[in-house]
N, C-alpha and C. Protein backbone atom coordinates (compact mmCIF):
# COMPACT_ATOMS: atom_id res chain seq x y z
N ALA A 1 -16.30 14.18 -0.89
CA ALA A 1 -14.48 13.22 -0.87
C ALA A 1 -12.91 14.53 -0.77
N ARG A 2 -12.60 13.83 -0.80
CA ARG A 2 -10.87 14.58 -0.46
C ARG A 2 -10.17 14.33 -1.49
N THR A 3 -9.61 15.59 -1.51
CA THR A 3 -8.50 15.71 -2.83
C THR A 3 -7.54 15.84 -2.35
N ALA A 4 -6.79 15.40 -3.17
CA ALA A 4 -5.21 15.14 -2.78
C ALA A 4 -4.16 16.71 -2.83
N VAL A 5 -3.87 16.73 -2.16
CA VAL A 5 -3.13 17.78 -2.84
C VAL A 5 -1.84 17.99 -3.37
N ARG A 6 -1.46 16.70 -3.36
CA ARG A 6 0.10 16.70 -3.89
C ARG A 6 -0.41 16.00 -4.97
N PRO A 7 -0.43 16.01 -6.41
CA PRO A 7 -0.62 14.71 -7.27
C PRO A 7 0.44 14.22 -7.30
N ALA A 8 0.10 12.63 -7.42
CA ALA A 8 1.40 11.29 -7.03
C ALA A 8 2.19 12.19 -8.52
N PHE A 9 3.58 11.34 -8.11
CA PHE A 9 4.52 11.80 -9.46
C PHE A 9 5.19 13.02 -9.32
N SER A 10 4.79 14.01 -8.68
CA SER A 10 4.69 15.32 -9.09
C SER A 10 5.95 16.09 -8.77
N ASP A 11 7.18 14.93 -9.09
CA ASP A 11 8.93 15.30 -8.78
C ASP A 11 9.60 14.40 -9.21
N PRO A 12 9.74 14.30 -10.49
CA PRO A 12 10.16 13.18 -11.24
C PRO A 12 11.87 13.28 -11.15
N LYS A 13 12.08 14.21 -10.18
CA LYS A 13 13.72 13.59 -9.41
C LYS A 13 13.99 13.20 -8.26
N ALA A 14 12.58 13.28 -7.89
CA ALA A 14 12.70 12.72 -6.57
C ALA A 14 12.47 11.23 -6.12
N PRO A 15 12.69 10.44 -4.97
CA PRO A 15 12.77 8.79 -5.39
C PRO A 15 10.96 8.38 -5.43
N VAL A 16 10.87 7.39 -6.02
CA VAL A 16 9.68 6.82 -5.91
C VAL A 16 9.32 6.63 -4.53
N ARG A 17 7.91 7.30 -3.97
CA ARG A 17 7.39 6.82 -2.39
C ARG A 17 6.61 6.25 -2.32
N LEU A 18 6.83 4.95 -1.94
CA LEU A 18 5.58 3.69 -1.89
C LEU A 18 5.08 3.84 -0.42
N LEU A 19 4.11 3.78 -0.46
CA LEU A 19 3.05 3.06 0.78
C LEU A 19 2.53 2.16 1.41
N PHE A 20 2.16 2.14 2.65
CA PHE A 20 1.91 0.68 3.17
C PHE A 20 0.95 1.31 4.21
N VAL A 21 -0.41 1.03 4.49
CA VAL A 21 -0.93 1.59 6.17
C VAL A 21 -1.39 0.01 6.46
N GLY A 22 -1.84 -0.10 7.42
CA GLY A 22 -2.52 -1.71 8.20
C GLY A 22 -1.43 -2.17 8.68
N ARG A 23 -2.31 -3.19 9.25
CA ARG A 23 -1.77 -3.93 10.57
C ARG A 23 -0.59 -4.52 9.86
N LEU A 24 0.52 -5.02 10.77
CA LEU A 24 1.58 -5.63 10.51
C LEU A 24 1.29 -7.36 10.93
N VAL A 25 0.97 -7.53 10.01
CA VAL A 25 1.02 -9.33 10.02
C VAL A 25 1.07 -9.91 8.77
N GLU A 26 1.07 -11.50 8.99
CA GLU A 26 1.45 -11.62 8.04
C GLU A 26 0.47 -11.95 6.49
N ARG A 27 -0.57 -11.61 6.90
CA ARG A 27 -1.30 -11.89 5.38
C ARG A 27 -1.02 -10.48 4.64
N LYS A 28 -0.87 -9.37 5.10
CA LYS A 28 -0.43 -8.50 4.34
C LYS A 28 0.73 -8.18 3.50
N GLY A 29 1.52 -8.75 4.06
CA GLY A 29 2.95 -9.64 2.83
C GLY A 29 3.71 -8.35 2.97
N VAL A 30 3.91 -7.71 3.84
CA VAL A 30 4.98 -6.16 3.64
C VAL A 30 6.19 -6.96 3.50
N GLU A 31 6.77 -7.96 3.98
CA GLU A 31 8.13 -8.57 3.73
C GLU A 31 8.45 -8.41 1.99
N VAL A 32 7.58 -8.81 1.36
CA VAL A 32 7.18 -9.14 0.04
C VAL A 32 7.97 -8.20 -0.49
N LEU A 33 6.65 -6.87 -0.29
CA LEU A 33 6.56 -5.54 -0.69
C LEU A 33 8.58 -5.17 -0.58
N VAL A 34 9.11 -5.42 1.01
CA VAL A 34 10.49 -5.32 1.18
C VAL A 34 11.10 -5.28 0.41
N ARG A 35 10.74 -6.82 -0.18
CA ARG A 35 11.91 -7.66 -1.22
C ARG A 35 11.84 -7.46 -2.77
N ALA A 36 10.60 -6.50 -2.83
CA ALA A 36 9.88 -5.97 -4.33
C ALA A 36 10.81 -4.94 -4.32
N LEU A 37 10.87 -3.78 -3.01
CA LEU A 37 11.21 -2.62 -3.18
C LEU A 37 13.14 -2.87 -3.56
N ALA A 38 13.90 -4.13 -3.23
CA ALA A 38 14.85 -3.75 -2.75
C ALA A 38 15.34 -4.61 -4.44
N ARG A 39 14.66 -5.24 -4.90
CA ARG A 39 14.71 -5.16 -6.19
C ARG A 39 14.21 -3.86 -7.47
N LEU A 40 13.19 -3.06 -7.09
CA LEU A 40 12.92 -2.09 -7.89
C LEU A 40 14.38 -1.32 -7.88
N ARG A 41 15.46 -1.04 -6.95
CA ARG A 41 15.92 0.11 -6.43
C ARG A 41 17.13 0.15 -7.33
N HIS A 42 17.59 -1.21 -7.97
CA HIS A 42 18.36 -1.85 -8.90
C HIS A 42 18.15 -1.19 -10.43
N ARG A 43 16.51 -0.42 -10.26
CA ARG A 43 16.39 0.00 -11.87
C ARG A 43 15.80 1.59 -11.74
N ARG A 44 15.41 1.43 -10.67
CA ARG A 44 14.51 3.12 -9.84
C ARG A 44 15.03 3.86 -8.59
N ASP A 45 15.75 4.98 -8.06
CA ASP A 45 15.39 5.05 -6.58
C ASP A 45 13.94 5.22 -5.92
N ALA A 46 13.82 4.70 -5.21
CA ALA A 46 12.73 4.47 -4.25
C ALA A 46 12.73 4.29 -3.08
N GLU A 47 11.75 4.74 -2.63
CA GLU A 47 11.70 4.50 -0.65
C GLU A 47 10.26 3.67 -0.36
N LEU A 48 10.29 3.31 0.87
CA LEU A 48 8.96 2.90 1.44
C LEU A 48 8.68 3.31 2.98
N VAL A 49 7.35 3.45 3.05
CA VAL A 49 7.21 4.33 4.30
C VAL A 49 5.91 3.51 4.70
N VAL A 50 5.99 2.22 5.69
CA VAL A 50 4.93 1.45 6.12
C VAL A 50 4.21 2.36 7.95
N ILE A 51 2.77 2.06 7.32
CA ILE A 51 2.04 2.98 8.61
C ILE A 51 1.29 1.76 9.13
N GLY A 52 1.83 1.52 11.28
CA GLY A 52 0.72 0.11 11.15
C GLY A 52 1.76 0.45 12.27
N SER A 53 1.51 -1.31 13.33
CA SER A 53 1.86 -1.94 13.96
C SER A 53 1.14 -3.66 13.77
N GLY A 54 2.13 -4.61 14.49
CA GLY A 54 1.72 -5.42 14.33
C GLY A 54 2.58 -6.43 14.47
N ASN A 55 2.54 -7.81 14.54
CA ASN A 55 3.49 -9.14 15.02
C ASN A 55 4.33 -9.40 14.43
N ARG A 56 4.18 -8.26 13.25
CA ARG A 56 5.30 -8.86 11.89
C ARG A 56 6.42 -7.83 11.48
N GLU A 57 6.89 -6.80 12.91
CA GLU A 57 7.25 -5.68 12.73
C GLU A 57 8.83 -6.32 12.75
N GLY A 58 9.30 -6.89 13.56
CA GLY A 58 10.43 -7.40 12.94
C GLY A 58 10.78 -8.55 11.87
N HIS A 59 10.08 -8.97 11.59
CA HIS A 59 10.18 -9.73 10.67
C HIS A 59 10.99 -9.35 9.28
N ILE A 60 10.00 -7.72 9.39
CA ILE A 60 9.99 -6.10 8.21
C ILE A 60 11.42 -5.96 8.27
N ARG A 61 11.74 -5.59 9.59
CA ARG A 61 13.59 -5.04 10.05
C ARG A 61 14.14 -5.86 9.26
N ARG A 62 14.13 -7.28 9.90
CA ARG A 62 15.43 -8.10 8.90
C ARG A 62 15.11 -8.25 7.44
N THR A 63 14.07 -8.56 7.14
CA THR A 63 13.55 -8.31 5.92
C THR A 63 14.84 -7.09 5.06
N ALA A 64 14.14 -6.09 5.87
CA ALA A 64 15.61 -5.28 5.03
C ALA A 64 16.49 -4.92 5.06
N ALA A 65 16.90 -5.33 6.72
CA ALA A 65 18.03 -5.06 6.71
C ALA A 65 18.66 -6.61 5.67
N LEU A 66 18.52 -7.70 5.56
CA LEU A 66 18.73 -8.85 4.43
C LEU A 66 19.15 -8.02 3.27
N GLU A 67 18.16 -7.61 3.14
CA GLU A 67 17.70 -6.89 1.40
C GLU A 67 18.59 -5.75 1.41
N GLY A 68 19.21 -5.30 2.35
CA GLY A 68 20.21 -4.09 2.55
C GLY A 68 19.71 -2.90 1.75
N VAL A 69 18.24 -2.66 2.36
CA VAL A 69 17.01 -1.64 2.14
C VAL A 69 16.81 -0.86 3.70
N GLU A 70 17.41 -1.13 4.52
CA GLU A 70 17.17 -0.96 6.01
C GLU A 70 16.96 0.79 6.14
N ASP A 71 17.55 1.86 5.03
CA ASP A 71 17.58 2.84 5.16
C ASP A 71 16.59 3.33 3.88
N HIS A 72 16.12 2.71 3.49
CA HIS A 72 14.86 2.95 2.56
C HIS A 72 14.03 2.53 3.05
N VAL A 73 13.40 2.07 3.98
CA VAL A 73 12.49 1.80 4.52
C VAL A 73 11.93 1.72 5.95
N HIS A 74 10.71 3.22 6.04
CA HIS A 74 11.03 3.95 7.22
C HIS A 74 9.18 3.35 7.74
N LEU A 75 9.50 2.63 8.92
CA LEU A 75 8.70 2.34 9.88
C LEU A 75 8.13 3.00 10.47
N LEU A 76 7.14 4.10 10.28
CA LEU A 76 6.51 5.19 11.29
C LEU A 76 5.74 4.22 12.99
N GLY A 77 5.39 3.23 12.88
CA GLY A 77 4.02 2.67 13.75
C GLY A 77 3.19 3.93 13.66
N PHE A 78 2.19 3.53 14.21
CA PHE A 78 0.96 4.42 14.35
C PHE A 78 1.03 5.65 14.29
N VAL A 79 0.35 6.41 12.95
CA VAL A 79 0.09 7.96 13.15
C VAL A 79 -1.13 8.16 14.17
N GLY A 80 -1.12 9.84 13.55
CA GLY A 80 -2.29 10.32 13.93
C GLY A 80 -2.92 10.93 12.51
N SER A 81 -3.91 11.12 12.96
CA SER A 81 -5.01 11.72 11.28
C SER A 81 -4.33 12.40 10.32
N GLU A 82 -3.89 13.69 10.59
CA GLU A 82 -3.34 14.60 10.36
C GLU A 82 -1.51 13.97 9.75
N ARG A 83 -0.95 13.30 10.30
CA ARG A 83 -0.14 12.47 9.43
C ARG A 83 -0.40 11.70 8.65
N LEU A 84 -1.14 10.72 8.69
CA LEU A 84 -1.85 9.73 8.18
C LEU A 84 -1.83 10.90 6.46
N ALA A 85 -3.19 11.79 6.56
CA ALA A 85 -3.34 12.85 5.24
C ALA A 85 -1.86 12.89 4.87
N ARG A 86 -0.63 13.52 5.69
CA ARG A 86 0.73 13.91 4.72
C ARG A 86 0.73 12.78 4.22
N GLU A 87 0.82 12.22 5.29
CA GLU A 87 1.95 10.36 4.10
C GLU A 87 1.32 10.00 2.50
N TYR A 88 -0.59 10.07 2.86
CA TYR A 88 -1.41 9.86 1.59
C TYR A 88 -0.46 10.44 0.41
N GLU A 89 -0.61 11.74 1.22
CA GLU A 89 -0.82 13.60 -0.09
C GLU A 89 0.93 13.03 -1.03
N ALA A 90 1.87 12.49 0.26
CA ALA A 90 3.78 12.61 -0.41
C ALA A 90 3.34 10.88 -1.02
N SER A 91 2.79 10.71 -0.99
CA SER A 91 3.12 9.08 -1.94
C SER A 91 2.85 9.03 -3.26
N ASP A 92 3.50 8.15 -3.79
CA ASP A 92 3.36 8.11 -5.25
C ASP A 92 2.95 7.28 -5.32
N ILE A 93 2.79 5.51 -4.95
CA ILE A 93 1.82 4.96 -5.13
C ILE A 93 1.43 4.05 -4.20
N PHE A 94 0.46 3.50 -3.85
CA PHE A 94 -0.27 2.80 -2.29
C PHE A 94 -0.27 2.01 -2.57
N VAL A 95 0.80 0.45 -2.15
CA VAL A 95 0.63 -1.20 -2.11
C VAL A 95 0.01 -1.47 -1.24
N LEU A 96 -0.16 -2.34 -1.44
CA LEU A 96 -1.21 -3.34 -0.42
C LEU A 96 -0.70 -5.19 -1.51
N PRO A 97 0.14 -5.38 -0.90
CA PRO A 97 0.64 -7.02 -1.37
C PRO A 97 0.61 -7.77 -0.32
N ALA A 98 -0.60 -8.03 -0.42
CA ALA A 98 -1.60 -9.20 0.59
C ALA A 98 -1.40 -11.03 0.05
N ILE A 99 -0.99 -11.46 1.13
CA ILE A 99 -0.56 -13.06 0.72
C ILE A 99 -1.66 -13.64 1.18
N VAL A 100 -1.89 -15.04 0.78
CA VAL A 100 -2.70 -15.83 1.88
C VAL A 100 -1.38 -16.86 2.66
N ASP A 101 -1.65 -16.28 3.77
CA ASP A 101 -1.06 -16.53 5.11
C ASP A 101 -0.89 -17.90 5.38
N SER A 102 0.05 -18.47 6.43
CA SER A 102 0.03 -20.05 7.11
C SER A 102 -1.28 -20.34 7.72
N ARG A 103 -2.32 -20.04 7.72
CA ARG A 103 -3.50 -20.39 8.64
C ARG A 103 -4.42 -20.39 7.42
N GLY A 104 -4.08 -19.87 5.78
CA GLY A 104 -4.58 -19.60 5.05
C GLY A 104 -5.80 -18.50 4.74
N ASP A 105 -5.54 -17.64 5.58
CA ASP A 105 -6.13 -16.59 5.72
C ASP A 105 -5.91 -15.59 4.61
N THR A 106 -6.19 -14.57 4.54
CA THR A 106 -6.33 -13.28 3.50
C THR A 106 -6.82 -12.29 3.64
N GLU A 107 -6.57 -11.33 2.71
CA GLU A 107 -7.43 -9.97 3.25
C GLU A 107 -8.81 -9.66 2.65
N GLY A 108 -9.50 -9.16 3.02
CA GLY A 108 -11.02 -9.38 3.06
C GLY A 108 -11.36 -8.04 1.84
N LEU A 109 -12.31 -7.47 2.21
CA LEU A 109 -12.62 -6.45 1.25
C LEU A 109 -11.52 -5.47 1.07
N GLY A 110 -10.57 -5.06 1.78
CA GLY A 110 -9.18 -4.85 1.69
C GLY A 110 -9.38 -2.77 1.35
N VAL A 111 -10.90 -2.28 2.89
CA VAL A 111 -11.21 -0.86 2.66
C VAL A 111 -10.04 -0.21 2.97
N VAL A 112 -8.91 -0.20 2.87
CA VAL A 112 -7.84 0.88 3.28
C VAL A 112 -7.14 1.34 1.27
N LEU A 113 -7.96 0.19 0.84
CA LEU A 113 -7.62 0.73 -0.40
C LEU A 113 -8.46 1.62 -1.04
N LEU A 114 -9.70 1.75 -0.35
CA LEU A 114 -10.81 2.53 -0.98
C LEU A 114 -10.19 3.99 -0.53
N GLU A 115 -9.92 3.91 0.64
CA GLU A 115 -9.02 5.56 1.26
C GLU A 115 -7.75 5.83 0.53
N ALA A 116 -6.94 4.85 -0.19
CA ALA A 116 -5.94 5.08 -1.12
C ALA A 116 -6.44 5.89 -2.16
N LEU A 117 -7.60 5.22 -2.67
CA LEU A 117 -8.16 6.07 -4.26
C LEU A 117 -9.09 7.30 -3.78
N ALA A 118 -9.53 7.12 -2.70
CA ALA A 118 -10.00 8.86 -2.21
C ALA A 118 -8.89 9.78 -2.46
N TYR A 119 -7.58 9.17 -1.99
CA TYR A 119 -6.61 10.41 -2.32
C TYR A 119 -5.78 10.46 -3.40
N GLU A 120 -6.85 10.04 -4.41
CA GLU A 120 -6.59 9.35 -5.85
C GLU A 120 -5.08 9.15 -6.19
N ARG A 121 -4.70 8.18 -5.23
CA ARG A 121 -3.09 7.33 -5.50
C ARG A 121 -3.06 5.96 -6.25
N PRO A 122 -2.63 6.01 -7.27
CA PRO A 122 -2.37 4.95 -7.91
C PRO A 122 -1.62 3.54 -6.52
N VAL A 123 -2.82 2.71 -7.24
CA VAL A 123 -2.76 1.90 -6.39
C VAL A 123 -2.08 0.08 -7.19
N VAL A 124 -1.41 -0.43 -6.37
CA VAL A 124 -0.42 -1.78 -6.87
C VAL A 124 -0.86 -2.98 -5.68
N ALA A 125 -1.47 -3.94 -5.92
CA ALA A 125 -2.84 -4.40 -4.79
C ALA A 125 -2.55 -6.03 -5.33
N SER A 126 -2.15 -6.93 -4.49
CA SER A 126 -2.37 -8.68 -5.22
C SER A 126 -3.48 -8.91 -5.16
N ARG A 127 -3.63 -9.88 -6.38
CA ARG A 127 -4.71 -10.74 -7.07
C ARG A 127 -5.32 -11.69 -6.03
N ALA A 128 -5.68 -10.87 -4.45
CA ALA A 128 -6.09 -11.72 -3.64
C ALA A 128 -7.31 -11.60 -2.54
N GLY A 129 -8.21 -12.65 -2.14
CA GLY A 129 -9.40 -12.04 -1.30
C GLY A 129 -10.39 -10.80 -2.35
N GLY A 130 -10.45 -10.25 -1.31
CA GLY A 130 -11.86 -9.01 -1.95
C GLY A 130 -11.12 -8.12 -2.43
N ILE A 131 -9.88 -7.78 -2.93
CA ILE A 131 -9.10 -6.87 -3.51
C ILE A 131 -9.00 -6.63 -5.42
N PRO A 132 -9.47 -8.04 -6.06
CA PRO A 132 -9.71 -7.26 -7.05
C PRO A 132 -11.37 -7.29 -7.44
N ASP A 133 -12.49 -6.87 -6.00
CA ASP A 133 -13.52 -6.35 -5.97
C ASP A 133 -13.53 -4.89 -6.31
N ILE A 134 -12.04 -4.53 -5.78
CA ILE A 134 -12.18 -2.82 -5.41
C ILE A 134 -11.48 -2.72 -6.99
N VAL A 135 -10.53 -3.69 -7.58
CA VAL A 135 -9.59 -2.40 -7.82
C VAL A 135 -9.42 -4.26 -9.26
N VAL A 136 -9.60 -3.28 -10.26
CA VAL A 136 -9.82 -3.27 -11.61
C VAL A 136 -8.13 -2.94 -12.82
N ASP A 137 -8.16 -4.37 -12.63
CA ASP A 137 -6.16 -4.26 -13.72
C ASP A 137 -6.41 -3.70 -15.04
N GLY A 138 -5.54 -2.28 -14.75
CA GLY A 138 -5.23 -1.26 -15.66
C GLY A 138 -6.35 -0.28 -16.31
N LEU A 139 -7.63 -0.54 -15.20
CA LEU A 139 -8.37 0.68 -14.85
C LEU A 139 -8.53 1.48 -13.80
N THR A 140 -8.38 0.56 -12.79
CA THR A 140 -8.68 1.47 -11.37
C THR A 140 -7.31 1.44 -10.85
N GLY A 141 -6.53 0.46 -10.86
CA GLY A 141 -5.10 0.20 -10.32
C GLY A 141 -4.48 -0.92 -11.33
N TRP A 142 -3.85 -1.69 -10.41
CA TRP A 142 -2.91 -2.82 -11.20
C TRP A 142 -2.92 -3.68 -10.01
N LEU A 143 -2.95 -5.08 -10.00
CA LEU A 143 -2.77 -6.06 -9.79
C LEU A 143 -1.51 -6.97 -9.87
N THR A 144 -1.47 -7.60 -9.62
CA THR A 144 -0.12 -8.44 -8.59
C THR A 144 -0.25 -10.10 -8.30
N ASP A 145 0.40 -10.57 -8.62
CA ASP A 145 0.52 -12.34 -8.30
C ASP A 145 1.06 -11.67 -6.58
N PRO A 146 -0.12 -12.87 -5.69
CA PRO A 146 0.54 -12.63 -4.24
C PRO A 146 1.52 -13.37 -4.03
N GLY A 147 2.67 -12.86 -3.47
CA GLY A 147 4.03 -14.13 -2.32
C GLY A 147 5.07 -13.26 -3.46
N ASP A 148 5.08 -12.54 -4.57
CA ASP A 148 5.63 -13.03 -5.75
C ASP A 148 6.67 -11.69 -5.85
N ALA A 149 8.18 -11.16 -5.43
CA ALA A 149 8.36 -10.12 -5.01
C ALA A 149 8.93 -9.26 -6.27
N GLN A 150 9.82 -10.58 -7.27
CA GLN A 150 9.84 -10.06 -8.46
C GLN A 150 8.69 -8.99 -9.65
N ILE A 151 7.50 -9.85 -9.75
CA ILE A 151 6.43 -9.68 -10.43
C ILE A 151 6.03 -8.30 -9.84
N LEU A 152 5.79 -8.31 -8.59
CA LEU A 152 5.40 -6.71 -8.05
C LEU A 152 6.42 -5.42 -8.46
N SER A 153 7.72 -6.25 -8.33
CA SER A 153 8.69 -5.04 -8.72
C SER A 153 8.54 -4.35 -10.07
N ASP A 154 8.34 -5.49 -10.95
CA ASP A 154 8.16 -4.95 -12.48
C ASP A 154 6.61 -4.52 -12.52
N ARG A 155 5.99 -4.54 -11.75
CA ARG A 155 4.83 -3.91 -11.66
C ARG A 155 4.98 -2.50 -10.80
N LEU A 156 5.70 -2.35 -10.39
CA LEU A 156 5.85 -1.13 -9.64
C LEU A 156 6.59 -0.48 -10.62
N LEU A 157 7.72 -0.91 -11.23
CA LEU A 157 8.29 0.05 -12.59
C LEU A 157 7.17 0.24 -13.74
N GLU A 158 6.62 -0.65 -13.83
CA GLU A 158 5.78 -0.12 -14.76
C GLU A 158 4.21 1.07 -14.55
N VAL A 159 4.51 1.10 -13.23
CA VAL A 159 3.49 2.52 -12.73
C VAL A 159 4.79 4.11 -13.12
N ALA A 160 5.74 3.51 -11.75
CA ALA A 160 6.85 4.70 -12.08
C ALA A 160 6.69 4.91 -13.31
N SER A 161 7.08 4.34 -14.26
CA SER A 161 7.76 4.62 -15.58
C SER A 161 6.69 5.36 -16.92
N ASP A 162 5.45 5.71 -16.22
CA ASP A 162 4.49 5.97 -16.99
C ASP A 162 3.53 7.07 -16.22
N PRO A 163 4.05 7.86 -15.15
CA PRO A 163 3.30 8.99 -14.51
C PRO A 163 2.14 9.46 -14.87
N GLU A 164 1.87 9.64 -16.22
CA GLU A 164 1.06 10.17 -16.71
C GLU A 164 -0.27 9.15 -16.62
N LYS A 165 -0.29 7.97 -17.01
CA LYS A 165 -1.14 6.94 -16.93
C LYS A 165 -1.57 6.96 -15.40
N ALA A 166 -0.33 6.52 -14.39
CA ALA A 166 -0.85 6.50 -13.57
C ALA A 166 -1.49 6.84 -13.17
N ARG A 167 -1.55 8.93 -13.06
CA ARG A 167 -2.64 9.65 -12.54
C ARG A 167 -3.98 8.96 -13.10
N LEU A 168 -4.26 9.17 -14.19
CA LEU A 168 -5.09 9.23 -15.30
C LEU A 168 -5.89 7.84 -14.83
N VAL A 169 -5.14 6.44 -14.22
CA VAL A 169 -5.93 4.87 -13.51
C VAL A 169 -6.10 5.66 -11.78
N ALA A 170 -5.60 7.21 -11.35
CA ALA A 170 -5.95 7.06 -10.48
C ALA A 170 -7.46 7.56 -10.22
N ALA A 171 -7.18 8.12 -10.92
CA ALA A 171 -8.73 9.46 -10.99
C ALA A 171 -9.56 8.81 -11.05
N ARG A 172 -9.38 7.84 -12.29
CA ARG A 172 -10.48 6.58 -12.51
C ARG A 172 -10.90 5.96 -11.90
N GLY A 173 -9.87 5.34 -10.69
CA GLY A 173 -10.19 4.73 -9.38
C GLY A 173 -10.75 5.65 -8.12
N LYS A 174 -10.42 7.13 -8.36
CA LYS A 174 -11.24 7.58 -7.09
C LYS A 174 -12.54 7.28 -8.01
N SER A 175 -12.41 7.94 -8.94
CA SER A 175 -14.07 8.38 -9.59
C SER A 175 -14.86 6.95 -9.47
N GLU A 176 -14.55 5.88 -9.28
CA GLU A 176 -15.16 4.48 -9.53
C GLU A 176 -15.65 4.75 -7.73
N ALA A 177 -14.69 4.44 -7.11
CA ALA A 177 -14.92 4.21 -5.45
C ALA A 177 -15.42 4.94 -5.27
N GLU A 178 -15.95 6.88 -5.41
CA GLU A 178 -16.85 7.25 -5.24
C GLU A 178 -17.84 7.20 -5.30
N ARG A 179 -18.63 6.46 -6.61
CA ARG A 179 -19.81 5.97 -7.33
C ARG A 179 -20.26 4.40 -6.57
N ARG A 180 -19.35 3.81 -6.31
CA ARG A 180 -19.80 2.23 -5.23
C ARG A 180 -20.23 2.58 -4.43
N PHE A 181 -19.12 3.51 -3.45
CA PHE A 181 -19.17 3.08 -2.13
C PHE A 181 -19.19 4.57 -1.40
N SER A 182 -19.55 4.92 -0.10
CA SER A 182 -20.03 5.71 0.27
C SER A 182 -18.82 6.05 1.01
N TRP A 183 -18.38 7.67 0.60
CA TRP A 183 -17.27 8.37 1.64
C TRP A 183 -16.80 8.16 3.03
N ASP A 184 -18.18 8.47 3.96
CA ASP A 184 -18.05 7.99 5.21
C ASP A 184 -17.95 6.92 5.79
N LEU A 185 -18.45 5.46 5.10
CA LEU A 185 -18.32 4.44 4.85
C LEU A 185 -16.65 3.65 4.93
N ILE A 186 -16.33 4.52 4.34
CA ILE A 186 -14.74 4.36 3.90
C ILE A 186 -13.95 4.98 5.01
N LEU A 187 -14.33 5.87 5.60
CA LEU A 187 -13.42 6.77 6.67
C LEU A 187 -13.81 6.18 7.90
N ALA A 188 -15.17 5.68 8.29
CA ALA A 188 -15.29 4.55 9.75
C ALA A 188 -14.82 3.43 9.51
N GLU A 189 -14.82 2.56 8.37
CA GLU A 189 -14.24 0.96 8.20
C GLU A 189 -12.64 1.15 8.61
N THR A 190 -12.14 2.27 8.19
CA THR A 190 -10.65 2.73 7.81
C THR A 190 -10.44 3.04 9.08
N ALA A 191 -10.75 3.84 9.54
CA ALA A 191 -10.61 4.81 11.31
C ALA A 191 -9.93 3.32 11.66
N SER A 192 -11.58 2.55 12.41
CA SER A 192 -11.71 1.25 12.76
C SER A 192 -11.24 0.58 13.14
N THR A 193 -9.98 -0.10 11.54
CA THR A 193 -9.81 -1.02 11.16
C THR A 193 -7.93 -0.44 11.79
N TYR A 194 -7.38 0.61 10.91
CA TYR A 194 -6.53 1.35 11.61
C TYR A 194 -6.13 1.41 13.05
N ARG A 195 -7.21 1.92 13.94
CA ARG A 195 -7.22 2.28 15.38
C ARG A 195 -6.77 0.58 15.95
N SER A 196 -7.25 -0.39 15.67
CA SER A 196 -7.11 -1.74 15.70
C SER A 196 -5.36 -2.38 16.36
N ALA A 197 -4.71 -1.62 15.51
CA ALA A 197 -3.21 -1.67 14.60
C ALA A 197 -2.58 -1.65 15.94
N VAL A 198 -2.75 -1.17 17.39
CA VAL A 198 -2.23 -0.61 18.15
C VAL A 198 -2.62 -1.65 19.48
N GLU A 199 -3.42 -2.17 19.27
CA GLU A 199 -4.28 -3.88 20.04
C GLU A 199 -2.98 -4.96 19.28
N VAL A 200 -3.40 -4.88 17.97
CA VAL A 200 -2.92 -6.20 17.85
C VAL A 200 -1.22 -6.66 18.15
N ARG A 201 -0.79 -5.48 18.60
CA ARG A 201 0.80 -6.49 18.98
C ARG A 201 0.38 -7.31 20.13
N ARG A 202 -0.51 -7.18 20.86
CA ARG A 202 -0.96 -8.43 21.58
C ARG A 202 -1.46 -9.36 21.61
N ALA A 203 -2.11 -9.54 20.42
CA ALA A 203 -2.61 -10.94 19.45
C ALA A 203 -1.56 -11.99 19.59
N GLN A 204 -1.74 -12.72 19.62
CA GLN A 204 -0.48 -13.92 19.29
C GLN A 204 -1.09 -14.58 17.97
N GLY A 205 -0.23 -14.67 17.27
CA GLY A 205 -0.08 -15.52 15.46
C GLY A 205 -1.62 -14.56 14.73
N ASP A 206 -1.84 -14.01 15.24
CA ASP A 206 -2.04 -12.78 14.11
C ASP A 206 -1.79 -11.73 13.20
């Protein structure tokens, strides 16, 4: 399994660095995360890195502008594996703010969470779909209510306010992920899902 080069929250003076990786589609809830970032920034310096592509990119940019955080939301699009690894290692909290979309779809297993845990990142994710099968609230990560930007913001502040606990929970999450899931499976499934992001732009309504 991988070992992160940089522990989460290694620089207490730096902004809290949030990371999202995945397809930019409605059910991922990235606009909710952008609104949560805006609320978090009233209480703590923070920034968001978004990796992936999809048909919600324009919505995400508009939400960031409306919330006044466009300078603190960095949409990187598709990146190579080395850059992706660097972004995991540079992040303080990995966030998967999944929602139930307008078609009733939501997150499946949330394999990307396993990759984040493999990098020993603190994980905050929605209580939706298959996510609670991976994230046990307070033990291997933190769960939050889908679609509620204020609650998500509160959870992010809670994690950022206690870096020592965040690192302990992340370490426990990594150990549990390694115990339950094969790293080869994590890597293969995450890579497959992530590569599909390039083609999702052409998929209407996904």
